Structures are given as structure tokens and as C-alpha cells.
Amino acid sequence: MSSIKIEPASAEKTMELLWSRVRRRGDLPGFSKVISAIIQAMRGDDDREFSMTKTVLSDPALTQKVLRLANSPMYSVFGQGINTVSKAVMVLGTEAIGHLALGLKLIDGLSAASADSASARDEMEKAVLAGHIARQLASSASTRDAEEAVVCSILHSLGRMMVTFYLPERWQQLQAYCTENGASEEQAAHEVLGIGLDEIGRRAGQKWGFPPALIETLRDVPPASAGEPLGHGDWLTAVSTLSFKYAKALCAAEGPREEFDRLATEYADMLGLEASQILTAVEAAQHVAAEEDAVMVRTTTRAEREKHLPALGGKPADALAALQRGVADMRDALQDSSAAQVMAMALEIVHHGLGFSRTIAFLRDQTQAQYRARMYFGDGVQELLPRLVFSDAYQPDVFHAALANDKPIFVENAHDAAFLSKVPRWWKEVLPTARSFMVLPLVVNRQPAGFIYGDWDLSLPPARIESAEIAPLNELRGLIMQALERRRQMEPAWMRRMS
């Protein structure tokens, strides 16, 4: 007879206690917001690389880890000295970056609540390793989307993590109940918590706005004979279930080789794979996880995280060196990159090299006879996009002057009374807090194609573009124009006549 005394539990009481702990220790809107952004970037189409780059650059610690991984021996075939996240995304791929980002945000978002407990660290390690295994399994099933499998598998044990992080005393009771009664964790959860671990994960996912299709995969499924191929959602649920089972066994060093073989045999039919493919995928995942130096598994201290935080704004002291390193990345990547990739890299280099508040790529739409913002870095720009558009008909203002003369322009004090007449109305209305700004025109075969705009806000210390920085900026725009011209040459002749 069990000596574990369990007070009557209900799902409602458990969830009330859980969310009270979350509120007390700080809710996780940033965690859920970044995860949603990562998922969106991984599923995007034309702009997925740029979206992933923006997501990574929004987190200084993640930026450092991505660049470290891109320069690791595992990717030495691509060369060393990768200085921009844009190029790292091209080298590693959005899937690998998304995996890294999800793992890191999962750890950073929840570790503050864990009191640095061993159980919490174990759960993080399992989640990250499950993502590695899922990536290898999905790659073996070539018709499936690996990035979705990674996302679902990393988050598959969200309920377990929520309990270990926020309700550690209940987790200990649950484990003790398993030991004394020979019960599974899910059975013990219903006794101790009044609710299953899977259901806790699904409720957390709903509260944080995860996509419904993702929430549906946050449950274990037993092995079964497929009969006919599983639907996409059921396949993702099965692969995330198996990935976590292997991760749990590997992290605990439990189960003989026969146990690994049994899991592979039981789930092979469901996943449309051979048992040998599953075992090979698990072994490969272990090697990849080791190569990445457990970069996502180790929790970082507050002091370590603060080392990566940027200065409180403004132009960095090493702006010239940052521009030069970035342009070197562009130069190396030019031949193998699309015009959109080159533009994204240029925007990152300008924004972070000069520490601008906002950096925006305006491109010309000749069919609409206007310039329109297409890519951007900086807070608050998303809401301004519908208003960041103006006619391409010449006006006597600073933007048209830069394009007409094909020369960069820097305005140190845009609010100088003597200069206000040279700034268009749309700029005054949409960007009234900018103190200084730069315009880098992009002109191909004497035809304006657009420009890169960057500004320093009034809230930042005054700054200026130094003469030594003009050379790398000019080389940067020259590389963009080469990419744009190459794209134009690849278009059919009838399209070039229309442009």
C-alpha cells in the first residue's frame, strides 16, 4: 500500500496554481512572442530567411550563439569568419537556425522559474535533443517538412517542463508516486495533479497563442500499424512522440540496446520508415548535438546574458570595423546569393554596424510609380509600413536628390529650420522622432531602383557618418546594385522592356 499521501487534486486547481506561479515569477510574453516569430519564419516562403534574421537579431544572446555555430568546425566547409546573421542563415539554413533559436528561447524563457533545479535542466536537455532527433527522422522521410517536426518535438514536453519549472514540489510527488506504485508519469499526473501532463502543455500553448495545429501535436500517441499513410498532423504527433521517447532514454542513459530497437520497430510503420532508418537517425542526432557543443542545453546565468546585451543605444565605437567585416561577408556571398539575400545582408550590416534606430529598404515599384518600404529593422516600423510609400515623380527633396545624383546623403540635424523645406511631408508625419538620417541610393544603369534609409532617433546620443565609413558604405551599395543588375539580366527580355 502506498505511503504517498495525495491531496484530492483537480485540473482547475492545478492550473490556477500553475498560472499564479507564472505570474509571480514573471509571465512569458516574450517567450511566446519569439516562438511564434520563429515558427512563422520557418514556415515562410520568399522572406523566410530575412524573417529568421530579424528574429535572431532581436536577441543579442541568440545572435552570438548563431554566429559561433556558423563559425564552428561543423560548418568549416563554408569557410570561417562569418560576421553577419544573414550569411549564417544562408549557410546553416532556416531550419537549423530555427532549431537553435527555439531551444535557446525555451531555455531562457523558462529557466528563471526553475530555481536552477536538476529536474528542470534535465527536461530542457530532453526537449532540445528531441528536436535534433526529429530533424534527422524527418530528413529520412523526404516528403515531410523537417522544420515542423523540429518545432513540435522541442515543444512536445511543454507540460512536463511547466510542472518541473513552476511546480517542483508537485513534480517530486509525481515521481514518488510512480516509484511506489509502478505507475507511468501520465497516470501519476492524473492522481497528483488531476490533469495529464500533455493537457497542461496544450493549455499553455493555447494561452500563449501557439498555432492550433501545433497544439494538437502536444500529446503522446502509442505505436500502431498505420494501415495507410498518416495525415500530416498525425505524422507530426507520432514523430514528436518517438523523438521525445528516445531523448528521454538517452538523457537518462536508461534502457539497453534492445529497448532502442523495440521503439524503432514499433514506430517504423507509423512513420513510413524502416527501423534501421530510425536507429541511424537517432545516432546521427547524437553526433549533431555533440557538435553543437550543447549550446542550447546549458542554462546561462544573468551575468552571462548581460554580457551580450547591447549598449543603451546609438552608434557603436567599432562602427567602421563592423561595416568592413559585413561588406567582406557580402563580397564572399555575392555570387551564390539572390538579390533579396544580398539586400537583407546589406540592411543588417547598415543597421547593426551603425546602430541605427530604424533601417529600411525602399524599392521602386514602376507599375505603381512609387517607392515603398520592403524590408526593415527597428522597433515600431511594422506599424508604419502602410505609410512608408511615396511617388517616384521627382520632387525637390533630399530623397529624390540622392537618387537623381546617385550619391549618398547624410543629414545630421533633420529638424534644422533651414533644412525642413528639403524634407518631404511623408517623412515629417511618419518619422518625426528621427534626429539624423542617411540615404544610400541604389541606381542600376542610371535607373533608380530604390534606396536604403537609416536614422538615429532623438532619444539616442547625436552621431554622424565619418568620412572613413563612406568607402565601405559605397562598396556595400555597389554590391547590391550588382545583385540587382544580375537579377534584371535573368529576366525575360519582354519583362525588361516593361521595367
Foldseek 3Di string as FASTA:
>chain_A
DDPQDADDAAQVVLVVLLVVLCVVLDPQLVLLVLLVQLVCLLPDDPCSLLSLQQSQVVALVSQVLLLCLCQFPVQCVLPHLDQGSLVSCVSVPSLVSSLSVNLQSVQVRQVSQQVPDPQLLLLSQLLSLLLLLQLLLCVQVVVADSSLLSSLLSLLQVLVNSCNRRPVVLVVSLVSCCVRPVDDSQVSCCRRHVHGSLVSSLVVCVVSPHDPLSSLLNDADFFDQQPDADDRSVLSSLSSNLSSVLSNCVSVVDDDVVVLLVSLVRRCNHNVHHSVSSVVSSVVSVVVCVSSVVVSSDRDDPVVSVVSDDPPFFFDPQLQVLLVSLLVNLVSCLVVDALVSLVSSLQRSVCVSGRFQKKWWWFADVVVQKTFTDDMHHPPVVVCRVLRMDGNPDDQADQSVCLQVQHKDKFQACPPPVRVVRHDPSCCVRPVFFGIKMWHWQAAPSHTGTIMMTTHGPVHDRDTQDPSNRVSSVSSSVSSNVSVVVVLVPDDPVVNVVD
